Amino acid sequence: MNITYRQVNDYMIPNLKLPPEETAIRLGKWGMMYKDYLQKHNPVLFATLLTQGKLYQHCAEIDTQAQQMFNTLTAQMIKSENITEQLKARNQLEWVQRMNSIQERASEIVCKELIYV
């Protein structure tokens, strides 16, 4: 591997460039949370993925998995707790409260299982 250097004052600094990453990759809520978690709590993996040019691709995969898991959990909880459109028509406030509860519980499970690992 041929490394070139540049001199800055009394120091020789290597001329390093990161490999190009996919700039078209857009991270959602879960991918951004995972990226932030890696940066703060697993800097070695974060730096490795960043220098290999695979950070955003990896975070996008986690984002997709987390969103699918969230959707599945939410649907299962709605079915098991018998939250229907009839409830929504009859008592909107109760429906909103129960749906918010389900979404919060599903978010906690996704975070515990996929994001904060």
PDB file of N, CA and C in Angstrom:
ATOM      1  N   MET A   1       0.840  -1.158   0.000  1.00  0.00           N
ATOM      2  CA  MET A   1       0.000   0.000   0.000  1.00  0.00           C
ATOM      3  C   MET A   1       0.896   1.235   0.000  1.00  0.00           C
ATOM      4  N   ASN A   2       0.675   2.114  -0.950  1.00  0.00           N
ATOM      5  CA  ASN A   2       1.490   3.311  -1.105  1.00  0.00           C
ATOM      6  C   ASN A   2       0.778   4.485  -0.439  1.00  0.00           C
ATOM      7  N   ILE A   3       1.378   5.009   0.637  1.00  0.00           N
ATOM      8  CA  ILE A   3       0.784   6.123   1.366  1.00  0.00           C
ATOM      9  C   ILE A   3       1.634   7.364   1.137  1.00  0.00           C
ATOM     10  N   THR A   4       0.961   8.438   0.788  1.00  0.00           N
ATOM     11  CA  THR A   4       1.666   9.707   0.623  1.00  0.00           C
ATOM     12  C   THR A   4       1.389  10.583   1.837  1.00  0.00           C
ATOM     13  N   TYR A   5       2.288  11.520   2.077  1.00  0.00           N
ATOM     14  CA  TYR A   5       2.185  12.384   3.242  1.00  0.00           C
ATOM     15  C   TYR A   5       2.281  13.839   2.824  1.00  0.00           C
ATOM     16  N   ARG A   6       1.758  14.700   3.682  1.00  0.00           N
ATOM     17  CA  ARG A   6       1.935  16.131   3.507  1.00  0.00           C
ATOM     18  C   ARG A   6       2.472  16.689   4.821  1.00  0.00           C
ATOM     19  N   GLN A   7       3.251  17.731   4.717  1.00  0.00           N
ATOM     20  CA  GLN A   7       3.832  18.308   5.916  1.00  0.00           C
ATOM     21  C   GLN A   7       2.986  19.491   6.387  1.00  0.00           C
ATOM     22  N   VAL A   8       2.619  19.447   7.652  1.00  0.00           N
ATOM     23  CA  VAL A   8       1.905  20.536   8.297  1.00  0.00           C
ATOM     24  C   VAL A   8       2.746  20.925   9.509  1.00  0.00           C
ATOM     25  N   ASN A   9       3.380  22.093   9.417  1.00  0.00           N
ATOM     26  CA  ASN A   9       4.341  22.546  10.428  1.00  0.00           C
ATOM     27  C   ASN A   9       5.433  21.494  10.574  1.00  0.00           C
ATOM     28  N   ASP A  10       5.584  20.913  11.730  1.00  0.00           N
ATOM     29  CA  ASP A  10       6.636  19.912  11.937  1.00  0.00           C
ATOM     30  C   ASP A  10       6.131  18.478  11.844  1.00  0.00           C
ATOM     31  N   TYR A  11       4.907  18.297  11.378  1.00  0.00           N
ATOM     32  CA  TYR A  11       4.298  16.966  11.358  1.00  0.00           C
ATOM     33  C   TYR A  11       4.062  16.500   9.930  1.00  0.00           C
ATOM     34  N   MET A  12       4.225  15.192   9.748  1.00  0.00           N
ATOM     35  CA  MET A  12       3.895  14.572   8.471  1.00  0.00           C
ATOM     36  C   MET A  12       2.535  13.882   8.639  1.00  0.00           C
ATOM     37  N   ILE A  13       1.550  14.353   7.898  1.00  0.00           N
ATOM     38  CA  ILE A  13       0.181  13.852   7.989  1.00  0.00           C
ATOM     39  C   ILE A  13      -0.097  12.978   6.768  1.00  0.00           C
ATOM     40  N   PRO A  14      -0.598  11.740   6.971  1.00  0.00           N
ATOM     41  CA  PRO A  14      -0.904  10.898   5.810  1.00  0.00           C
ATOM     42  C   PRO A  14      -2.089  11.461   5.039  1.00  0.00           C
ATOM     43  N   ASN A  15      -2.035  11.325   3.729  1.00  0.00           N
ATOM     44  CA  ASN A  15      -3.133  11.743   2.857  1.00  0.00           C
ATOM     45  C   ASN A  15      -4.100  10.571   2.727  1.00  0.00           C
ATOM     46  N   LEU A  16      -5.050  10.534   3.600  1.00  0.00           N
ATOM     47  CA  LEU A  16      -6.024   9.450   3.603  1.00  0.00           C
ATOM     48  C   LEU A  16      -7.375   9.963   3.149  1.00  0.00           C
ATOM     49  N   LYS A  17      -8.078   9.136   2.406  1.00  0.00           N
ATOM     50  CA  LYS A  17      -9.433   9.455   1.975  1.00  0.00           C
ATOM     51  C   LYS A  17     -10.332   8.284   2.314  1.00  0.00           C
ATOM     52  N   LEU A  18     -11.532   8.607   2.756  1.00  0.00           N
ATOM     53  CA  LEU A  18     -12.515   7.560   3.009  1.00  0.00           C
ATOM     54  C   LEU A  18     -13.077   7.071   1.686  1.00  0.00           C
ATOM     55  N   PRO A  19     -13.390   5.788   1.595  1.00  0.00           N
ATOM     56  CA  PRO A  19     -14.015   5.305   0.368  1.00  0.00           C
ATOM     57  C   PRO A  19     -15.377   5.969   0.190  1.00  0.00           C
ATOM     58  N   PRO A  20     -15.813   6.144  -1.045  1.00  0.00           N
ATOM     59  CA  PRO A  20     -17.111   6.795  -1.256  1.00  0.00           C
ATOM     60  C   PRO A  20     -18.247   5.930  -0.739  1.00  0.00           C
ATOM     61  N   GLU A  21     -19.219   6.578  -0.132  1.00  0.00           N
ATOM     62  CA  GLU A  21     -20.411   5.888   0.363  1.00  0.00           C
ATOM     63  C   GLU A  21     -21.582   6.239  -0.515  1.00  0.00           C
ATOM     64  N   GLU A  22     -22.606   5.429  -0.420  1.00  0.00           N
ATOM     65  CA  GLU A  22     -23.832   5.718  -1.139  1.00  0.00           C
ATOM     66  C   GLU A  22     -24.463   6.968  -0.541  1.00  0.00           C
ATOM     67  N   THR A  23     -24.524   8.022  -1.305  1.00  0.00           N
ATOM     68  CA  THR A  23     -25.123   9.250  -0.789  1.00  0.00           C
ATOM     69  C   THR A  23     -26.643   9.218  -0.925  1.00  0.00           C
ATOM     70  N   ALA A  24     -27.163   8.268  -1.683  1.00  0.00           N
ATOM     71  CA  ALA A  24     -28.606   8.191  -1.883  1.00  0.00           C
ATOM     72  C   ALA A  24     -29.309   7.478  -0.733  1.00  0.00           C
ATOM     73  N   ILE A  25     -28.537   6.884   0.177  1.00  0.00           N
ATOM     74  CA  ILE A  25     -29.139   6.163   1.291  1.00  0.00           C
ATOM     75  C   ILE A  25     -29.655   7.171   2.310  1.00  0.00           C
ATOM     76  N   ARG A  26     -30.944   7.071   2.604  1.00  0.00           N
ATOM     77  CA  ARG A  26     -31.568   7.945   3.601  1.00  0.00           C
ATOM     78  C   ARG A  26     -31.995   7.082   4.778  1.00  0.00           C
ATOM     79  N   LEU A  27     -31.559   7.468   5.946  1.00  0.00           N
ATOM     80  CA  LEU A  27     -31.884   6.707   7.140  1.00  0.00           C
ATOM     81  C   LEU A  27     -33.174   7.220   7.758  1.00  0.00           C
ATOM     82  N   GLY A  28     -33.955   6.280   8.249  1.00  0.00           N
ATOM     83  CA  GLY A  28     -35.176   6.632   8.960  1.00  0.00           C
ATOM     84  C   GLY A  28     -34.894   6.771  10.455  1.00  0.00           C
ATOM     85  N   LYS A  29     -35.953   6.778  11.221  1.00  0.00           N
ATOM     86  CA  LYS A  29     -35.863   6.952  12.673  1.00  0.00           C
ATOM     87  C   LYS A  29     -34.944   5.907  13.303  1.00  0.00           C
ATOM     88  N   TRP A  30     -35.167   4.658  12.966  1.00  0.00           N
ATOM     89  CA  TRP A  30     -34.418   3.574  13.599  1.00  0.00           C
ATOM     90  C   TRP A  30     -32.950   3.587  13.167  1.00  0.00           C
ATOM     91  N   GLY A  31     -32.692   3.848  11.899  1.00  0.00           N
ATOM     92  CA  GLY A  31     -31.320   3.897  11.406  1.00  0.00           C
ATOM     93  C   GLY A  31     -30.517   5.018  12.041  1.00  0.00           C
ATOM     94  N   MET A  32     -31.150   6.176  12.229  1.00  0.00           N
ATOM     95  CA  MET A  32     -30.462   7.300  12.879  1.00  0.00           C
ATOM     96  C   MET A  32     -30.191   6.986  14.346  1.00  0.00           C
ATOM     97  N   MET A  33     -31.153   6.351  15.010  1.00  0.00           N
ATOM     98  CA  MET A  33     -30.946   5.980  16.414  1.00  0.00           C
ATOM     99  C   MET A  33     -29.789   4.986  16.538  1.00  0.00           C
ATOM    100  N   TYR A  34     -29.736   4.029  15.624  1.00  0.00           N
ATOM    101  CA  TYR A  34     -28.673   3.021  15.660  1.00  0.00           C
ATOM    102  C   TYR A  34     -27.320   3.661  15.380  1.00  0.00           C
ATOM    103  N   LYS A  35     -27.257   4.553  14.413  1.00  0.00           N
ATOM    104  CA  LYS A  35     -26.008   5.250  14.086  1.00  0.00           C
ATOM    105  C   LYS A  35     -25.507   6.052  15.285  1.00  0.00           C
ATOM    106  N   ASP A  36     -26.395   6.777  15.939  1.00  0.00           N
ATOM    107  CA  ASP A  36     -26.014   7.546  17.125  1.00  0.00           C
ATOM    108  C   ASP A  36     -25.543   6.634  18.251  1.00  0.00           C
ATOM    109  N   TYR A  37     -26.234   5.512  18.420  1.00  0.00           N
ATOM    110  CA  TYR A  37     -25.835   4.556  19.458  1.00  0.00           C
ATOM    111  C   TYR A  37     -24.433   4.008  19.168  1.00  0.00           C
ATOM    112  N   LEU A  38     -24.188   3.616  17.926  1.00  0.00           N
ATOM    113  CA  LEU A  38     -22.863   3.108  17.575  1.00  0.00           C
ATOM    114  C   LEU A  38     -21.788   4.152  17.831  1.00  0.00           C
ATOM    115  N   GLN A  39     -22.041   5.362  17.427  1.00  0.00           N
ATOM    116  CA  GLN A  39     -21.060   6.428  17.570  1.00  0.00           C
ATOM    117  C   GLN A  39     -20.701   6.659  19.045  1.00  0.00           C
ATOM    118  N   LYS A  40     -21.686   6.581  19.932  1.00  0.00           N
ATOM    119  CA  LYS A  40     -21.440   6.863  21.343  1.00  0.00           C
ATOM    120  C   LYS A  40     -20.973   5.642  22.136  1.00  0.00           C
ATOM    121  N   HIS A  41     -21.493   4.461  21.818  1.00  0.00           N
ATOM    122  CA  HIS A  41     -21.260   3.300  22.664  1.00  0.00           C
ATOM    123  C   HIS A  41     -20.415   2.196  22.041  1.00  0.00           C
ATOM    124  N   ASN A  42     -20.193   2.251  20.753  1.00  0.00           N
ATOM    125  CA  ASN A  42     -19.341   1.255  20.095  1.00  0.00           C
ATOM    126  C   ASN A  42     -18.498   1.955  19.033  1.00  0.00           C
ATOM    127  N   PRO A  43     -17.586   2.831  19.461  1.00  0.00           N
ATOM    128  CA  PRO A  43     -16.830   3.626  18.503  1.00  0.00           C
ATOM    129  C   PRO A  43     -15.925   2.810  17.585  1.00  0.00           C
ATOM    130  N   VAL A  44     -15.516   1.627  18.030  1.00  0.00           N
ATOM    131  CA  VAL A  44     -14.652   0.792  17.187  1.00  0.00           C
ATOM    132  C   VAL A  44     -15.428   0.296  15.970  1.00  0.00           C
ATOM    133  N   LEU A  45     -16.622  -0.242  16.201  1.00  0.00           N
ATOM    134  CA  LEU A  45     -17.447  -0.706  15.084  1.00  0.00           C
ATOM    135  C   LEU A  45     -17.850   0.469  14.201  1.00  0.00           C
ATOM    136  N   PHE A  46     -18.194   1.588  14.819  1.00  0.00           N
ATOM    137  CA  PHE A  46     -18.562   2.784  14.064  1.00  0.00           C
ATOM    138  C   PHE A  46     -17.419   3.206  13.135  1.00  0.00           C
ATOM    139  N   ALA A  47     -16.207   3.279  13.674  1.00  0.00           N
ATOM    140  CA  ALA A  47     -15.047   3.692  12.871  1.00  0.00           C
ATOM    141  C   ALA A  47     -14.728   2.676  11.774  1.00  0.00           C
ATOM    142  N   THR A  48     -14.874   1.408  12.095  1.00  0.00           N
ATOM    143  CA  THR A  48     -14.614   0.360  11.104  1.00  0.00           C
ATOM    144  C   THR A  48     -15.589   0.458   9.939  1.00  0.00           C
ATOM    145  N   LEU A  49     -16.869   0.559  10.252  1.00  0.00           N
ATOM    146  CA  LEU A  49     -17.877   0.666   9.196  1.00  0.00           C
ATOM    147  C   LEU A  49     -17.697   1.954   8.398  1.00  0.00           C
ATOM    148  N   LEU A  50     -17.338   3.039   9.073  1.00  0.00           N
ATOM    149  CA  LEU A  50     -17.145   4.314   8.403  1.00  0.00           C
ATOM    150  C   LEU A  50     -15.964   4.256   7.436  1.00  0.00           C
ATOM    151  N   THR A  51     -14.848   3.694   7.883  1.00  0.00           N
ATOM    152  CA  THR A  51     -13.665   3.638   7.017  1.00  0.00           C
ATOM    153  C   THR A  51     -13.834   2.653   5.868  1.00  0.00           C
ATOM    154  N   GLN A  52     -14.679   1.660   6.046  1.00  0.00           N
ATOM    155  CA  GLN A  52     -14.949   0.715   4.963  1.00  0.00           C
ATOM    156  C   GLN A  52     -16.012   1.231   4.002  1.00  0.00           C
ATOM    157  N   GLY A  53     -16.654   2.331   4.359  1.00  0.00           N
ATOM    158  CA  GLY A  53     -17.698   2.885   3.508  1.00  0.00           C
ATOM    159  C   GLY A  53     -19.006   2.127   3.589  1.00  0.00           C
ATOM    160  N   LYS A  54     -19.223   1.432   4.707  1.00  0.00           N
ATOM    161  CA  LYS A  54     -20.426   0.603   4.844  1.00  0.00           C
ATOM    162  C   LYS A  54     -21.340   1.057   5.970  1.00  0.00           C
ATOM    163  N   LEU A  55     -21.059   2.199   6.594  1.00  0.00           N
ATOM    164  CA  LEU A  55     -21.828   2.637   7.749  1.00  0.00           C
ATOM    165  C   LEU A  55     -23.290   2.871   7.403  1.00  0.00           C
ATOM    166  N   TYR A  56     -23.553   3.653   6.377  1.00  0.00           N
ATOM    167  CA  TYR A  56     -24.942   3.986   6.047  1.00  0.00           C
ATOM    168  C   TYR A  56     -25.696   2.778   5.498  1.00  0.00           C
ATOM    169  N   GLN A  57     -25.007   1.930   4.770  1.00  0.00           N
ATOM    170  CA  GLN A  57     -25.650   0.717   4.270  1.00  0.00           C
ATOM    171  C   GLN A  57     -26.067  -0.173   5.444  1.00  0.00           C
ATOM    172  N   HIS A  58     -25.180  -0.330   6.414  1.00  0.00           N
ATOM    173  CA  HIS A  58     -25.470  -1.150   7.592  1.00  0.00           C
ATOM    174  C   HIS A  58     -26.621  -0.544   8.399  1.00  0.00           C
ATOM    175  N   CYS A  59     -26.585   0.757   8.611  1.00  0.00           N
ATOM    176  CA  CYS A  59     -27.655   1.427   9.364  1.00  0.00           C
ATOM    177  C   CYS A  59     -28.989   1.348   8.627  1.00  0.00           C
ATOM    178  N   ALA A  60     -28.949   1.400   7.307  1.00  0.00           N
ATOM    179  CA  ALA A  60     -30.184   1.284   6.517  1.00  0.00           C
ATOM    180  C   ALA A  60     -30.775  -0.114   6.649  1.00  0.00           C
ATOM    181  N   GLU A  61     -29.928  -1.137   6.726  1.00  0.00           N
ATOM    182  CA  GLU A  61     -30.421  -2.503   6.918  1.00  0.00           C
ATOM    183  C   GLU A  61     -31.081  -2.649   8.293  1.00  0.00           C
ATOM    184  N   ILE A  62     -30.454  -2.084   9.314  1.00  0.00           N
ATOM    185  CA  ILE A  62     -31.033  -2.114  10.659  1.00  0.00           C
ATOM    186  C   ILE A  62     -32.353  -1.347  10.670  1.00  0.00           C
ATOM    187  N   ASP A  63     -32.395  -0.214   9.968  1.00  0.00           N
ATOM    188  CA  ASP A  63     -33.608   0.596   9.882  1.00  0.00           C
ATOM    189  C   ASP A  63     -34.758  -0.214   9.278  1.00  0.00           C
ATOM    190  N   THR A  64     -34.488  -0.928   8.215  1.00  0.00           N
ATOM    191  CA  THR A  64     -35.510  -1.749   7.556  1.00  0.00           C
ATOM    192  C   THR A  64     -35.988  -2.869   8.472  1.00  0.00           C
ATOM    193  N   GLN A  65     -35.052  -3.564   9.101  1.00  0.00           N
ATOM    194  CA  GLN A  65     -35.418  -4.646  10.021  1.00  0.00           C
ATOM    195  C   GLN A  65     -36.244  -4.124  11.194  1.00  0.00           C
ATOM    196  N   ALA A  66     -35.831  -2.988  11.740  1.00  0.00           N
ATOM    197  CA  ALA A  66     -36.531  -2.428  12.893  1.00  0.00           C
ATOM    198  C   ALA A  66     -37.943  -1.990  12.518  1.00  0.00           C
ATOM    199  N   GLN A  67     -38.095  -1.375  11.341  1.00  0.00           N
ATOM    200  CA  GLN A  67     -39.425  -0.940  10.924  1.00  0.00           C
ATOM    201  C   GLN A  67     -40.344  -2.131  10.702  1.00  0.00           C
ATOM    202  N   GLN A  68     -39.822  -3.201  10.096  1.00  0.00           N
ATOM    203  CA  GLN A  68     -40.625  -4.409   9.904  1.00  0.00           C
ATOM    204  C   GLN A  68     -41.017  -5.030  11.235  1.00  0.00           C
ATOM    205  N   MET A  69     -40.075  -5.068  12.173  1.00  0.00           N
ATOM    206  CA  MET A  69     -40.363  -5.623  13.490  1.00  0.00           C
ATOM    207  C   MET A  69     -41.410  -4.771  14.212  1.00  0.00           C
ATOM    208  N   PHE A  70     -41.285  -3.445  14.129  1.00  0.00           N
ATOM    209  CA  PHE A  70     -42.239  -2.537  14.751  1.00  0.00           C
ATOM    210  C   PHE A  70     -43.642  -2.754  14.178  1.00  0.00           C
ATOM    211  N   ASN A  71     -43.735  -2.833  12.848  1.00  0.00           N
ATOM    212  CA  ASN A  71     -45.040  -3.041  12.203  1.00  0.00           C
ATOM    213  C   ASN A  71     -45.663  -4.374  12.611  1.00  0.00           C
ATOM    214  N   THR A  72     -44.849  -5.413  12.659  1.00  0.00           N
ATOM    215  CA  THR A  72     -45.343  -6.735  13.040  1.00  0.00           C
ATOM    216  C   THR A  72     -45.827  -6.746  14.491  1.00  0.00           C
ATOM    217  N   LEU A  73     -45.014  -6.202  15.383  1.00  0.00           N
ATOM    218  CA  LEU A  73     -45.399  -6.156  16.794  1.00  0.00           C
ATOM    219  C   LEU A  73     -46.674  -5.351  17.006  1.00  0.00           C
ATOM    220  N   THR A  74     -46.753  -4.212  16.342  1.00  0.00           N
ATOM    221  CA  THR A  74     -47.934  -3.367  16.471  1.00  0.00           C
ATOM    222  C   THR A  74     -49.185  -4.108  16.014  1.00  0.00           C
ATOM    223  N   ALA A  75     -49.095  -4.756  14.867  1.00  0.00           N
ATOM    224  CA  ALA A  75     -50.250  -5.500  14.346  1.00  0.00           C
ATOM    225  C   ALA A  75     -50.644  -6.631  15.290  1.00  0.00           C
ATOM    226  N   GLN A  76     -49.661  -7.350  15.829  1.00  0.00           N
ATOM    227  CA  GLN A  76     -49.960  -8.442  16.750  1.00  0.00           C
ATOM    228  C   GLN A  76     -50.615  -7.933  18.027  1.00  0.00           C
ATOM    229  N   MET A  77     -50.122  -6.822  18.553  1.00  0.00           N
ATOM    230  CA  MET A  77     -50.699  -6.272  19.784  1.00  0.00           C
ATOM    231  C   MET A  77     -52.116  -5.740  19.552  1.00  0.00           C
ATOM    232  N   ILE A  78     -52.333  -5.120  18.412  1.00  0.00           N
ATOM    233  CA  ILE A  78     -53.680  -4.629  18.088  1.00  0.00           C
ATOM    234  C   ILE A  78     -54.660  -5.793  18.037  1.00  0.00           C
ATOM    235  N   LYS A  79     -54.223  -6.870  17.411  1.00  0.00           N
ATOM    236  CA  LYS A  79     -55.097  -8.037  17.298  1.00  0.00           C
ATOM    237  C   LYS A  79     -55.328  -8.680  18.666  1.00  0.00           C
ATOM    238  N   SER A  80     -54.273  -8.833  19.448  1.00  0.00           N
ATOM    239  CA  SER A  80     -54.422  -9.513  20.743  1.00  0.00           C
ATOM    240  C   SER A  80     -55.215  -8.686  21.754  1.00  0.00           C
ATOM    241  N   GLU A  81     -55.177  -7.359  21.636  1.00  0.00           N
ATOM    242  CA  GLU A  81     -55.904  -6.504  22.575  1.00  0.00           C
ATOM    243  C   GLU A  81     -57.270  -6.085  22.030  1.00  0.00           C
ATOM    244  N   ASN A  82     -57.614  -6.631  20.866  1.00  0.00           N
ATOM    245  CA  ASN A  82     -58.930  -6.419  20.270  1.00  0.00           C
ATOM    246  C   ASN A  82     -59.267  -4.939  20.097  1.00  0.00           C
ATOM    247  N   ILE A  83     -58.351  -4.212  19.498  1.00  0.00           N
ATOM    248  CA  ILE A  83     -58.589  -2.797  19.200  1.00  0.00           C
ATOM    249  C   ILE A  83     -59.125  -2.737  17.768  1.00  0.00           C
ATOM    250  N   THR A  84     -60.355  -2.291  17.645  1.00  0.00           N
ATOM    251  CA  THR A  84     -61.045  -2.336  16.359  1.00  0.00           C
ATOM    252  C   THR A  84     -61.478  -0.945  15.918  1.00  0.00           C
ATOM    253  N   GLU A  85     -61.980  -0.897  14.710  1.00  0.00           N
ATOM    254  CA  GLU A  85     -62.550   0.347  14.186  1.00  0.00           C
ATOM    255  C   GLU A  85     -63.834   0.712  14.923  1.00  0.00           C
ATOM    256  N   GLN A  86     -64.528  -0.303  15.451  1.00  0.00           N
ATOM    257  CA  GLN A  86     -65.728  -0.022  16.229  1.00  0.00           C
ATOM    258  C   GLN A  86     -65.372   0.753  17.499  1.00  0.00           C
ATOM    259  N   LEU A  87     -64.270   0.375  18.130  1.00  0.00           N
ATOM    260  CA  LEU A  87     -63.801   1.115  19.306  1.00  0.00           C
ATOM    261  C   LEU A  87     -63.438   2.547  18.914  1.00  0.00           C
ATOM    262  N   LYS A  88     -62.795   2.694  17.788  1.00  0.00           N
ATOM    263  CA  LYS A  88     -62.415   4.027  17.312  1.00  0.00           C
ATOM    264  C   LYS A  88     -63.650   4.893  17.076  1.00  0.00           C
ATOM    265  N   ALA A  89     -64.695   4.313  16.518  1.00  0.00           N
ATOM    266  CA  ALA A  89     -65.927   5.064  16.259  1.00  0.00           C
ATOM    267  C   ALA A  89     -66.686   5.366  17.554  1.00  0.00           C
ATOM    268  N   ARG A  90     -66.630   4.426  18.491  1.00  0.00           N
ATOM    269  CA  ARG A  90     -67.385   4.563  19.727  1.00  0.00           C
ATOM    270  C   ARG A  90     -66.691   5.488  20.739  1.00  0.00           C
ATOM    271  N   ASN A  91     -65.365   5.330  20.883  1.00  0.00           N
ATOM    272  CA  ASN A  91     -64.638   6.091  21.904  1.00  0.00           C
ATOM    273  C   ASN A  91     -63.239   6.428  21.377  1.00  0.00           C
ATOM    274  N   GLN A  92     -63.119   7.545  20.699  1.00  0.00           N
ATOM    275  CA  GLN A  92     -61.858   7.907  20.059  1.00  0.00           C
ATOM    276  C   GLN A  92     -60.726   8.110  21.061  1.00  0.00           C
ATOM    277  N   LEU A  93     -61.003   8.712  22.186  1.00  0.00           N
ATOM    278  CA  LEU A  93     -59.963   8.974  23.175  1.00  0.00           C
ATOM    279  C   LEU A  93     -59.360   7.674  23.709  1.00  0.00           C
ATOM    280  N   GLU A  94     -60.207   6.708  24.019  1.00  0.00           N
ATOM    281  CA  GLU A  94     -59.701   5.413  24.486  1.00  0.00           C
ATOM    282  C   GLU A  94     -58.886   4.734  23.396  1.00  0.00           C
ATOM    283  N   TRP A  95     -59.356   4.814  22.152  1.00  0.00           N
ATOM    284  CA  TRP A  95     -58.648   4.207  21.031  1.00  0.00           C
ATOM    285  C   TRP A  95     -57.255   4.820  20.889  1.00  0.00           C
ATOM    286  N   VAL A  96     -57.166   6.145  20.967  1.00  0.00           N
ATOM    287  CA  VAL A  96     -55.870   6.830  20.851  1.00  0.00           C
ATOM    288  C   VAL A  96     -54.949   6.427  22.001  1.00  0.00           C
ATOM    289  N   GLN A  97     -55.472   6.372  23.207  1.00  0.00           N
ATOM    290  CA  GLN A  97     -54.662   5.982  24.358  1.00  0.00           C
ATOM    291  C   GLN A  97     -54.108   4.576  24.204  1.00  0.00           C
ATOM    292  N   ARG A  98     -54.945   3.672  23.787  1.00  0.00           N
ATOM    293  CA  ARG A  98     -54.506   2.284  23.631  1.00  0.00           C
ATOM    294  C   ARG A  98     -53.517   2.131  22.476  1.00  0.00           C
ATOM    295  N   MET A  99     -53.751   2.855  21.379  1.00  0.00           N
ATOM    296  CA  MET A  99     -52.811   2.798  20.255  1.00  0.00           C
ATOM    297  C   MET A  99     -51.450   3.386  20.637  1.00  0.00           C
ATOM    298  N   ASN A 100     -51.455   4.497  21.367  1.00  0.00           N
ATOM    299  CA  ASN A 100     -50.195   5.085  21.826  1.00  0.00           C
ATOM    300  C   ASN A 100     -49.447   4.134  22.745  1.00  0.00           C
ATOM    301  N   SER A 101     -50.172   3.452  23.598  1.00  0.00           N
ATOM    302  CA  SER A 101     -49.564   2.473  24.492  1.00  0.00           C
ATOM    303  C   SER A 101     -48.910   1.346  23.696  1.00  0.00           C
ATOM    304  N   ILE A 102     -49.608   0.863  22.704  1.00  0.00           N
ATOM    305  CA  ILE A 102     -49.073  -0.213  21.860  1.00  0.00           C
ATOM    306  C   ILE A 102     -47.818   0.254  21.133  1.00  0.00           C
ATOM    307  N   GLN A 103     -47.860   1.443  20.565  1.00  0.00           N
ATOM    308  CA  GLN A 103     -46.704   1.947  19.831  1.00  0.00           C
ATOM    309  C   GLN A 103     -45.497   2.152  20.747  1.00  0.00           C
ATOM    310  N   GLU A 104     -45.731   2.614  21.947  1.00  0.00           N
ATOM    311  CA  GLU A 104     -44.628   2.795  22.899  1.00  0.00           C
ATOM    312  C   GLU A 104     -44.011   1.461  23.293  1.00  0.00           C
ATOM    313  N   ARG A 105     -44.854   0.470  23.566  1.00  0.00           N
ATOM    314  CA  ARG A 105     -44.337  -0.849  23.927  1.00  0.00           C
ATOM    315  C   ARG A 105     -43.573  -1.478  22.768  1.00  0.00           C
ATOM    316  N   ALA A 106     -44.107  -1.352  21.569  1.00  0.00           N
ATOM    317  CA  ALA A 106     -43.413  -1.897  20.390  1.00  0.00           C
ATOM    318  C   ALA A 106     -42.079  -1.186  20.181  1.00  0.00           C
ATOM    319  N   SER A 107     -42.048   0.124  20.377  1.00  0.00           N
ATOM    320  CA  SER A 107     -40.793   0.880  20.233  1.00  0.00           C
ATOM    321  C   SER A 107     -39.748   0.416  21.245  1.00  0.00           C
ATOM    322  N   GLU A 108     -40.175   0.189  22.472  1.00  0.00           N
ATOM    323  CA  GLU A 108     -39.242  -0.289  23.504  1.00  0.00           C
ATOM    324  C   GLU A 108     -38.666  -1.650  23.141  1.00  0.00           C
ATOM    325  N   ILE A 109     -39.489  -2.528  22.630  1.00  0.00           N
ATOM    326  CA  ILE A 109     -39.020  -3.860  22.245  1.00  0.00           C
ATOM    327  C   ILE A 109     -38.031  -3.758  21.096  1.00  0.00           C
ATOM    328  N   VAL A 110     -38.351  -2.958  20.085  1.00  0.00           N
ATOM    329  CA  VAL A 110     -37.447  -2.799  18.936  1.00  0.00           C
ATOM    330  C   VAL A 110     -36.110  -2.217  19.391  1.00  0.00           C
ATOM    331  N   CYS A 111     -36.160  -1.212  20.236  1.00  0.00           N
ATOM    332  CA  CYS A 111     -34.915  -0.607  20.723  1.00  0.00           C
ATOM    333  C   CYS A 111     -34.072  -1.614  21.484  1.00  0.00           C
ATOM    334  N   LYS A 112     -34.712  -2.392  22.351  1.00  0.00           N
ATOM    335  CA  LYS A 112     -33.988  -3.374  23.154  1.00  0.00           C
ATOM    336  C   LYS A 112     -33.406  -4.497  22.304  1.00  0.00           C
ATOM    337  N   GLU A 113     -34.161  -4.943  21.294  1.00  0.00           N
ATOM    338  CA  GLU A 113     -33.749  -6.098  20.498  1.00  0.00           C
ATOM    339  C   GLU A 113     -32.800  -5.755  19.338  1.00  0.00           C
ATOM    340  N   LEU A 114     -32.974  -4.578  18.720  1.00  0.00           N
ATOM    341  CA  LEU A 114     -32.193  -4.276  17.520  1.00  0.00           C
ATOM    342  C   LEU A 114     -31.292  -3.042  17.625  1.00  0.00           C
ATOM    343  N   ILE A 115     -31.743  -2.024  18.295  1.00  0.00           N
ATOM    344  CA  ILE A 115     -31.008  -0.760  18.267  1.00  0.00           C
ATOM    345  C   ILE A 115     -29.912  -0.727  19.318  1.00  0.00           C
ATOM    346  N   TYR A 116     -30.262  -0.951  20.555  1.00  0.00           N
ATOM    347  CA  TYR A 116     -29.288  -0.832  21.654  1.00  0.00           C
ATOM    348  C   TYR A 116     -28.713  -2.188  22.026  1.00  0.00           C
ATOM    349  N   VAL A 117     -28.002  -2.798  21.106  1.00  0.00           N
ATOM    350  CA  VAL A 117     -27.380  -4.108  21.350  1.00  0.00           C
ATOM    351  C   VAL A 117     -25.872  -4.001  21.328  1.00  0.00           C
TER     352      VAL A 117
END
